[in-house]
Amino acid sequence: MPARFVGGVVFGEWLVDGWDLAVVTGQKADVDDELAAALYEDIVGKAEMARRYGVYGPEVAVPADAPLFVRALGLAGRDPSWRRQG
């Protein structure tokens, strides 16, 4: 695999899985605009293929004017409004 592709996978894992960990532990995940833009661009380019291989779940609809990090989470099959119960 090309290094750029693998780097994008690792980058996405850090941010998206970091969001998962933050939310499940009751914390907030803050991602600055520059990182969010890079993540969104990367996910847009591979979301369809990632869903085909079961890496991402179905796209979660978010408002078109939502912040880029929220839109990236939705593309990756995460529900940005999900919160831990209890």
PDB file of N, CA and C in Angstrom:
ATOM      1  N   MET A   1       0.832  -1.180   0.000  1.00  0.00           N
ATOM      2  CA  MET A   1       0.000   0.000   0.000  1.00  0.00           C
ATOM      3  C   MET A   1       0.881   1.249   0.000  1.00  0.00           C
ATOM      4  N   PRO A   2       0.414   2.291  -0.659  1.00  0.00           N
ATOM      5  CA  PRO A   2       1.170   3.546  -0.652  1.00  0.00           C
ATOM      6  C   PRO A   2       1.246   4.140   0.761  1.00  0.00           C
ATOM      7  N   ALA A   3       2.387   4.740   1.056  1.00  0.00           N
ATOM      8  CA  ALA A   3       2.602   5.324   2.386  1.00  0.00           C
ATOM      9  C   ALA A   3       1.552   6.368   2.720  1.00  0.00           C
ATOM     10  N   ARG A   4       1.141   7.170   1.731  1.00  0.00           N
ATOM     11  CA  ARG A   4       0.128   8.205   1.989  1.00  0.00           C
ATOM     12  C   ARG A   4      -1.190   7.574   2.450  1.00  0.00           C
ATOM     13  N   PHE A   5      -1.563   6.454   1.844  1.00  0.00           N
ATOM     14  CA  PHE A   5      -2.799   5.753   2.216  1.00  0.00           C
ATOM     15  C   PHE A   5      -2.679   5.224   3.645  1.00  0.00           C
ATOM     16  N   VAL A   6      -1.558   4.551   3.932  1.00  0.00           N
ATOM     17  CA  VAL A   6      -1.357   3.989   5.270  1.00  0.00           C
ATOM     18  C   VAL A   6      -1.301   5.104   6.314  1.00  0.00           C
ATOM     19  N   GLY A   7      -0.620   6.199   5.976  1.00  0.00           N
ATOM     20  CA  GLY A   7      -0.571   7.335   6.901  1.00  0.00           C
ATOM     21  C   GLY A   7      -1.952   7.888   7.184  1.00  0.00           C
ATOM     22  N   GLY A   8      -2.794   7.952   6.153  1.00  0.00           N
ATOM     23  CA  GLY A   8      -4.170   8.414   6.339  1.00  0.00           C
ATOM     24  C   GLY A   8      -4.960   7.496   7.247  1.00  0.00           C
ATOM     25  N   VAL A   9      -4.726   6.192   7.098  1.00  0.00           N
ATOM     26  CA  VAL A   9      -5.420   5.215   7.954  1.00  0.00           C
ATOM     27  C   VAL A   9      -5.030   5.441   9.415  1.00  0.00           C
ATOM     28  N   VAL A  10      -3.737   5.572   9.657  1.00  0.00           N
ATOM     29  CA  VAL A  10      -3.257   5.779  11.034  1.00  0.00           C
ATOM     30  C   VAL A  10      -3.785   7.104  11.592  1.00  0.00           C
ATOM     31  N   PHE A  11      -3.703   8.148  10.791  1.00  0.00           N
ATOM     32  CA  PHE A  11      -4.210   9.462  11.186  1.00  0.00           C
ATOM     33  C   PHE A  11      -5.686   9.374  11.566  1.00  0.00           C
ATOM     34  N   GLY A  12      -6.483   8.730  10.728  1.00  0.00           N
ATOM     35  CA  GLY A  12      -7.904   8.561  10.999  1.00  0.00           C
ATOM     36  C   GLY A  12      -8.164   7.752  12.253  1.00  0.00           C
ATOM     37  N   GLU A  13      -7.368   6.712  12.446  1.00  0.00           N
ATOM     38  CA  GLU A  13      -7.520   5.889  13.649  1.00  0.00           C
ATOM     39  C   GLU A  13      -7.279   6.725  14.904  1.00  0.00           C
ATOM     40  N   TRP A  14      -6.243   7.542  14.884  1.00  0.00           N
ATOM     41  CA  TRP A  14      -5.956   8.384  16.057  1.00  0.00           C
ATOM     42  C   TRP A  14      -7.119   9.295  16.375  1.00  0.00           C
ATOM     43  N   LEU A  15      -7.634   9.958  15.360  1.00  0.00           N
ATOM     44  CA  LEU A  15      -8.684  10.958  15.626  1.00  0.00           C
ATOM     45  C   LEU A  15     -10.053  10.341  15.846  1.00  0.00           C
ATOM     46  N   VAL A  16     -10.458   9.414  14.991  1.00  0.00           N
ATOM     47  CA  VAL A  16     -11.797   8.828  15.119  1.00  0.00           C
ATOM     48  C   VAL A  16     -11.860   7.898  16.328  1.00  0.00           C
ATOM     49  N   ASP A  17     -10.873   7.029  16.470  1.00  0.00           N
ATOM     50  CA  ASP A  17     -10.874   6.152  17.635  1.00  0.00           C
ATOM     51  C   ASP A  17     -10.617   6.935  18.920  1.00  0.00           C
ATOM     52  N   GLY A  18      -9.866   8.030  18.815  1.00  0.00           N
ATOM     53  CA  GLY A  18      -9.686   8.911  19.973  1.00  0.00           C
ATOM     54  C   GLY A  18     -11.014   9.517  20.409  1.00  0.00           C
ATOM     55  N   TRP A  19     -11.847   9.891  19.406  1.00  0.00           N
ATOM     56  CA  TRP A  19     -13.183  10.401  19.722  1.00  0.00           C
ATOM     57  C   TRP A  19     -13.992   9.307  20.420  1.00  0.00           C
ATOM     58  N   ASP A  20     -13.924   8.075  19.881  1.00  0.00           N
ATOM     59  CA  ASP A  20     -14.635   6.946  20.502  1.00  0.00           C
ATOM     60  C   ASP A  20     -14.251   6.810  21.977  1.00  0.00           C
ATOM     61  N   LEU A  21     -12.962   6.809  22.232  1.00  0.00           N
ATOM     62  CA  LEU A  21     -12.465   6.650  23.601  1.00  0.00           C
ATOM     63  C   LEU A  21     -12.908   7.811  24.492  1.00  0.00           C
ATOM     64  N   ALA A  22     -12.810   9.022  23.971  1.00  0.00           N
ATOM     65  CA  ALA A  22     -13.225  10.185  24.759  1.00  0.00           C
ATOM     66  C   ALA A  22     -14.705  10.088  25.122  1.00  0.00           C
ATOM     67  N   VAL A  23     -15.533   9.783  24.148  1.00  0.00           N
ATOM     68  CA  VAL A  23     -16.983   9.750  24.403  1.00  0.00           C
ATOM     69  C   VAL A  23     -17.354   8.635  25.371  1.00  0.00           C
ATOM     70  N   VAL A  24     -16.770   7.461  25.182  1.00  0.00           N
ATOM     71  CA  VAL A  24     -17.136   6.346  26.054  1.00  0.00           C
ATOM     72  C   VAL A  24     -16.658   6.565  27.494  1.00  0.00           C
ATOM     73  N   THR A  25     -15.651   7.407  27.670  1.00  0.00           N
ATOM     74  CA  THR A  25     -15.180   7.700  29.026  1.00  0.00           C
ATOM     75  C   THR A  25     -15.747   9.012  29.567  1.00  0.00           C
ATOM     76  N   GLY A  26     -16.729   9.570  28.857  1.00  0.00           N
ATOM     77  CA  GLY A  26     -17.406  10.773  29.329  1.00  0.00           C
ATOM     78  C   GLY A  26     -16.621  12.058  29.144  1.00  0.00           C
ATOM     79  N   GLN A  27     -15.665  12.059  28.226  1.00  0.00           N
ATOM     80  CA  GLN A  27     -14.852  13.246  27.985  1.00  0.00           C
ATOM     81  C   GLN A  27     -15.214  13.865  26.639  1.00  0.00           C
ATOM     82  N   LYS A  28     -14.677  15.037  26.396  1.00  0.00           N
ATOM     83  CA  LYS A  28     -14.904  15.729  25.139  1.00  0.00           C
ATOM     84  C   LYS A  28     -13.641  15.629  24.294  1.00  0.00           C
ATOM     85  N   ALA A  29     -13.811  15.339  23.006  1.00  0.00           N
ATOM     86  CA  ALA A  29     -12.673  15.281  22.087  1.00  0.00           C
ATOM     87  C   ALA A  29     -12.650  16.570  21.276  1.00  0.00           C
ATOM     88  N   ASP A  30     -11.647  17.378  21.478  1.00  0.00           N
ATOM     89  CA  ASP A  30     -11.488  18.617  20.721  1.00  0.00           C
ATOM     90  C   ASP A  30     -10.460  18.387  19.616  1.00  0.00           C
ATOM     91  N   VAL A  31     -10.840  18.724  18.403  1.00  0.00           N
ATOM     92  CA  VAL A  31      -9.943  18.617  17.253  1.00  0.00           C
ATOM     93  C   VAL A  31      -9.940  19.980  16.580  1.00  0.00           C
ATOM     94  N   ASP A  32      -8.755  20.526  16.356  1.00  0.00           N
ATOM     95  CA  ASP A  32      -8.706  21.858  15.753  1.00  0.00           C
ATOM     96  C   ASP A  32      -9.126  21.798  14.279  1.00  0.00           C
ATOM     97  N   ASP A  33      -9.405  22.956  13.725  1.00  0.00           N
ATOM     98  CA  ASP A  33      -9.951  23.044  12.366  1.00  0.00           C
ATOM     99  C   ASP A  33      -9.034  22.460  11.310  1.00  0.00           C
ATOM    100  N   GLU A  34      -7.739  22.652  11.452  1.00  0.00           N
ATOM    101  CA  GLU A  34      -6.793  22.139  10.457  1.00  0.00           C
ATOM    102  C   GLU A  34      -6.773  20.609  10.449  1.00  0.00           C
ATOM    103  N   LEU A  35      -6.744  20.004  11.619  1.00  0.00           N
ATOM    104  CA  LEU A  35      -6.788  18.540  11.701  1.00  0.00           C
ATOM    105  C   LEU A  35      -8.126  18.013  11.190  1.00  0.00           C
ATOM    106  N   ALA A  36      -9.206  18.685  11.563  1.00  0.00           N
ATOM    107  CA  ALA A  36     -10.542  18.255  11.121  1.00  0.00           C
ATOM    108  C   ALA A  36     -10.649  18.299   9.602  1.00  0.00           C
ATOM    109  N   ALA A  37     -10.104  19.341   8.987  1.00  0.00           N
ATOM    110  CA  ALA A  37     -10.155  19.459   7.526  1.00  0.00           C
ATOM    111  C   ALA A  37      -9.360  18.350   6.869  1.00  0.00           C
ATOM    112  N   ALA A  38      -8.178  18.042   7.395  1.00  0.00           N
ATOM    113  CA  ALA A  38      -7.361  16.967   6.840  1.00  0.00           C
ATOM    114  C   ALA A  38      -8.051  15.619   7.007  1.00  0.00           C
ATOM    115  N   LEU A  39      -8.658  15.391   8.164  1.00  0.00           N
ATOM    116  CA  LEU A  39      -9.374  14.144   8.407  1.00  0.00           C
ATOM    117  C   LEU A  39     -10.563  14.003   7.466  1.00  0.00           C
ATOM    118  N   TYR A  40     -11.345  15.056   7.339  1.00  0.00           N
ATOM    119  CA  TYR A  40     -12.515  15.018   6.462  1.00  0.00           C
ATOM    120  C   TYR A  40     -12.101  14.692   5.034  1.00  0.00           C
ATOM    121  N   GLU A  41     -11.076  15.354   4.547  1.00  0.00           N
ATOM    122  CA  GLU A  41     -10.600  15.107   3.184  1.00  0.00           C
ATOM    123  C   GLU A  41     -10.170  13.650   3.013  1.00  0.00           C
ATOM    124  N   ASP A  42      -9.480  13.114   3.999  1.00  0.00           N
ATOM    125  CA  ASP A  42      -9.028  11.726   3.924  1.00  0.00           C
ATOM    126  C   ASP A  42     -10.207  10.757   3.942  1.00  0.00           C
ATOM    127  N   ILE A  43     -11.158  10.983   4.826  1.00  0.00           N
ATOM    128  CA  ILE A  43     -12.299  10.077   4.944  1.00  0.00           C
ATOM    129  C   ILE A  43     -13.183  10.140   3.708  1.00  0.00           C
ATOM    130  N   VAL A  44     -13.391  11.330   3.159  1.00  0.00           N
ATOM    131  CA  VAL A  44     -14.185  11.458   1.936  1.00  0.00           C
ATOM    132  C   VAL A  44     -13.599  10.570   0.841  1.00  0.00           C
ATOM    133  N   GLY A  45     -12.278  10.533   0.767  1.00  0.00           N
ATOM    134  CA  GLY A  45     -11.616   9.776  -0.284  1.00  0.00           C
ATOM    135  C   GLY A  45     -11.679   8.272  -0.130  1.00  0.00           C
ATOM    136  N   LYS A  46     -11.955   7.788   1.068  1.00  0.00           N
ATOM    137  CA  LYS A  46     -11.949   6.339   1.261  1.00  0.00           C
ATOM    138  C   LYS A  46     -13.196   5.777   1.946  1.00  0.00           C
ATOM    139  N   ALA A  47     -14.183   6.612   2.262  1.00  0.00           N
ATOM    140  CA  ALA A  47     -15.350   6.145   3.018  1.00  0.00           C
ATOM    141  C   ALA A  47     -16.103   5.025   2.313  1.00  0.00           C
ATOM    142  N   GLU A  48     -16.331   5.174   1.027  1.00  0.00           N
ATOM    143  CA  GLU A  48     -17.094   4.155   0.302  1.00  0.00           C
ATOM    144  C   GLU A  48     -16.378   2.808   0.337  1.00  0.00           C
ATOM    145  N   MET A  49     -15.086   2.812   0.062  1.00  0.00           N
ATOM    146  CA  MET A  49     -14.315   1.574   0.092  1.00  0.00           C
ATOM    147  C   MET A  49     -14.270   1.006   1.511  1.00  0.00           C
ATOM    148  N   ALA A  50     -14.101   1.871   2.503  1.00  0.00           N
ATOM    149  CA  ALA A  50     -14.038   1.412   3.893  1.00  0.00           C
ATOM    150  C   ALA A  50     -15.351   0.765   4.323  1.00  0.00           C
ATOM    151  N   ARG A  51     -16.463   1.305   3.872  1.00  0.00           N
ATOM    152  CA  ARG A  51     -17.757   0.678   4.193  1.00  0.00           C
ATOM    153  C   ARG A  51     -17.874  -0.687   3.517  1.00  0.00           C
ATOM    154  N   ARG A  52     -17.410  -0.753   2.272  1.00  0.00           N
ATOM    155  CA  ARG A  52     -17.489  -2.011   1.528  1.00  0.00           C
ATOM    156  C   ARG A  52     -16.745  -3.129   2.261  1.00  0.00           C
ATOM    157  N   TYR A  53     -15.653  -2.798   2.914  1.00  0.00           N
ATOM    158  CA  TYR A  53     -14.849  -3.793   3.621  1.00  0.00           C
ATOM    159  C   TYR A  53     -15.173  -3.876   5.120  1.00  0.00           C
ATOM    160  N   GLY A  54     -16.210  -3.178   5.554  1.00  0.00           N
ATOM    161  CA  GLY A  54     -16.644  -3.263   6.938  1.00  0.00           C
ATOM    162  C   GLY A  54     -15.803  -2.466   7.921  1.00  0.00           C
ATOM    163  N   VAL A  55     -14.949  -1.584   7.404  1.00  0.00           N
ATOM    164  CA  VAL A  55     -14.123  -0.758   8.289  1.00  0.00           C
ATOM    165  C   VAL A  55     -14.962   0.356   8.902  1.00  0.00           C
ATOM    166  N   TYR A  56     -15.824   0.968   8.102  1.00  0.00           N
ATOM    167  CA  TYR A  56     -16.757   1.995   8.569  1.00  0.00           C
ATOM    168  C   TYR A  56     -18.161   1.424   8.518  1.00  0.00           C
ATOM    169  N   GLY A  57     -18.988   1.896   9.418  1.00  0.00           N
ATOM    170  CA  GLY A  57     -20.395   1.547   9.369  1.00  0.00           C
ATOM    171  C   GLY A  57     -21.113   2.436   8.367  1.00  0.00           C
ATOM    172  N   PRO A  58     -22.419   2.257   8.262  1.00  0.00           N
ATOM    173  CA  PRO A  58     -23.196   3.122   7.358  1.00  0.00           C
ATOM    174  C   PRO A  58     -23.033   4.586   7.758  1.00  0.00           C
ATOM    175  N   GLU A  59     -23.063   5.451   6.758  1.00  0.00           N
ATOM    176  CA  GLU A  59     -22.926   6.878   7.020  1.00  0.00           C
ATOM    177  C   GLU A  59     -24.049   7.359   7.931  1.00  0.00           C
ATOM    178  N   VAL A  60     -23.698   8.170   8.914  1.00  0.00           N
ATOM    179  CA  VAL A  60     -24.662   8.778   9.818  1.00  0.00           C
ATOM    180  C   VAL A  60     -24.903  10.198   9.326  1.00  0.00           C
ATOM    181  N   ALA A  61     -26.155  10.517   9.061  1.00  0.00           N
ATOM    182  CA  ALA A  61     -26.494  11.847   8.541  1.00  0.00           C
ATOM    183  C   ALA A  61     -26.229  12.915   9.595  1.00  0.00           C
ATOM    184  N   VAL A  62     -25.558  13.958   9.169  1.00  0.00           N
ATOM    185  CA  VAL A  62     -25.320  15.130  10.012  1.00  0.00           C
ATOM    186  C   VAL A  62     -25.663  16.358   9.172  1.00  0.00           C
ATOM    187  N   PRO A  63     -25.957  17.478   9.795  1.00  0.00           N
ATOM    188  CA  PRO A  63     -26.270  18.682   9.020  1.00  0.00           C
ATOM    189  C   PRO A  63     -25.120  19.063   8.082  1.00  0.00           C
ATOM    190  N   ALA A  64     -25.451  19.529   6.900  1.00  0.00           N
ATOM    191  CA  ALA A  64     -24.442  19.916   5.909  1.00  0.00           C
ATOM    192  C   ALA A  64     -23.537  21.039   6.409  1.00  0.00           C
ATOM    193  N   ASP A  65     -24.032  21.832   7.355  1.00  0.00           N
ATOM    194  CA  ASP A  65     -23.228  22.931   7.875  1.00  0.00           C
ATOM    195  C   ASP A  65     -22.553  22.589   9.213  1.00  0.00           C
ATOM    196  N   ALA A  66     -22.557  21.298   9.563  1.00  0.00           N
ATOM    197  CA  ALA A  66     -21.897  20.870  10.804  1.00  0.00           C
ATOM    198  C   ALA A  66     -20.390  21.074  10.669  1.00  0.00           C
ATOM    199  N   PRO A  67     -19.693  21.205  11.781  1.00  0.00           N
ATOM    200  CA  PRO A  67     -18.237  21.317  11.717  1.00  0.00           C
ATOM    201  C   PRO A  67     -17.632  20.112  10.980  1.00  0.00           C
ATOM    202  N   LEU A  68     -16.479  20.323  10.356  1.00  0.00           N
ATOM    203  CA  LEU A  68     -15.860  19.255   9.568  1.00  0.00           C
ATOM    204  C   LEU A  68     -15.583  17.993  10.383  1.00  0.00           C
ATOM    205  N   PHE A  69     -15.190  18.133  11.641  1.00  0.00           N
ATOM    206  CA  PHE A  69     -14.932  16.937  12.441  1.00  0.00           C
ATOM    207  C   PHE A  69     -16.217  16.136  12.632  1.00  0.00           C
ATOM    208  N   VAL A  70     -17.318  16.799  12.868  1.00  0.00           N
ATOM    209  CA  VAL A  70     -18.615  16.131  13.020  1.00  0.00           C
ATOM    210  C   VAL A  70     -18.994  15.440  11.710  1.00  0.00           C
ATOM    211  N   ARG A  71     -18.780  16.121  10.590  1.00  0.00           N
ATOM    212  CA  ARG A  71     -19.083  15.524   9.284  1.00  0.00           C
ATOM    213  C   ARG A  71     -18.186  14.317   9.010  1.00  0.00           C
ATOM    214  N   ALA A  72     -16.926  14.394   9.417  1.00  0.00           N
ATOM    215  CA  ALA A  72     -16.015  13.260   9.250  1.00  0.00           C
ATOM    216  C   ALA A  72     -16.474  12.069  10.078  1.00  0.00           C
ATOM    217  N   LEU A  73     -16.895  12.326  11.307  1.00  0.00           N
ATOM    218  CA  LEU A  73     -17.403  11.238  12.150  1.00  0.00           C
ATOM    219  C   LEU A  73     -18.603  10.566  11.495  1.00  0.00           C
ATOM    220  N   GLY A  74     -19.535  11.363  10.981  1.00  0.00           N
ATOM    221  CA  GLY A  74     -20.702  10.799  10.303  1.00  0.00           C
ATOM    222  C   GLY A  74     -20.310   9.962   9.104  1.00  0.00           C
ATOM    223  N   LEU A  75     -19.358  10.431   8.312  1.00  0.00           N
ATOM    224  CA  LEU A  75     -18.893   9.660   7.157  1.00  0.00           C
ATOM    225  C   LEU A  75     -18.264   8.341   7.576  1.00  0.00           C
ATOM    226  N   ALA A  76     -17.614   8.338   8.725  1.00  0.00           N
ATOM    227  CA  ALA A  76     -16.962   7.131   9.233  1.00  0.00           C
ATOM    228  C   ALA A  76     -17.937   6.207   9.958  1.00  0.00           C
ATOM    229  N   GLY A  77     -19.209   6.546   9.932  1.00  0.00           N
ATOM    230  CA  GLY A  77     -20.210   5.681  10.551  1.00  0.00           C
ATOM    231  C   GLY A  77     -20.410   5.912  12.033  1.00  0.00           C
ATOM    232  N   ARG A  78     -19.878   7.011  12.530  1.00  0.00           N
ATOM    233  CA  ARG A  78     -20.064   7.342  13.947  1.00  0.00           C
ATOM    234  C   ARG A  78     -21.227   8.307  14.065  1.00  0.00           C
ATOM    235  N   ASP A  79     -21.989   8.191  15.142  1.00  0.00           N
ATOM    236  CA  ASP A  79     -23.066   9.127  15.435  1.00  0.00           C
ATOM    237  C   ASP A  79     -22.492  10.194  16.369  1.00  0.00           C
ATOM    238  N   PRO A  80     -22.222  11.390  15.855  1.00  0.00           N
ATOM    239  CA  PRO A  80     -21.601  12.419  16.683  1.00  0.00           C
ATOM    240  C   PRO A  80     -22.421  12.826  17.910  1.00  0.00           C
ATOM    241  N   SER A  81     -23.698  12.501  17.931  1.00  0.00           N
ATOM    242  CA  SER A  81     -24.509  12.850  19.101  1.00  0.00           C
ATOM    243  C   SER A  81     -24.555  11.720  20.128  1.00  0.00           C
ATOM    244  N   TRP A  82     -23.898  10.599  19.865  1.00  0.00           N
ATOM    245  CA  TRP A  82     -23.909   9.467  20.790  1.00  0.00           C
ATOM    246  C   TRP A  82     -23.211   9.844  22.089  1.00  0.00           C
ATOM    247  N   ARG A  83     -23.807   9.453  23.179  1.00  0.00           N
ATOM    248  CA  ARG A  83     -23.216   9.682  24.492  1.00  0.00           C
ATOM    249  C   ARG A  83     -23.353   8.414  25.316  1.00  0.00           C
ATOM    250  N   ARG A  84     -22.421   8.208  26.196  1.00  0.00           N
ATOM    251  CA  ARG A  84     -22.430   7.057  27.091  1.00  0.00           C
ATOM    252  C   ARG A  84     -23.643   7.134  28.011  1.00  0.00           C
ATOM    253  N   GLN A  85     -24.298   6.017  28.219  1.00  0.00           N
ATOM    254  CA  GLN A  85     -25.450   5.958  29.116  1.00  0.00           C
ATOM    255  C   GLN A  85     -24.970   5.775  30.563  1.00  0.00           C
ATOM    256  N   GLY A  86     -25.638   6.449  31.468  1.00  0.00           N
ATOM    257  CA  GLY A  86     -25.359   6.254  32.885  1.00  0.00           C
ATOM    258  C   GLY A  86     -24.288   7.072  33.355  1.00  0.00           C
TER     259      GLY A  86
END
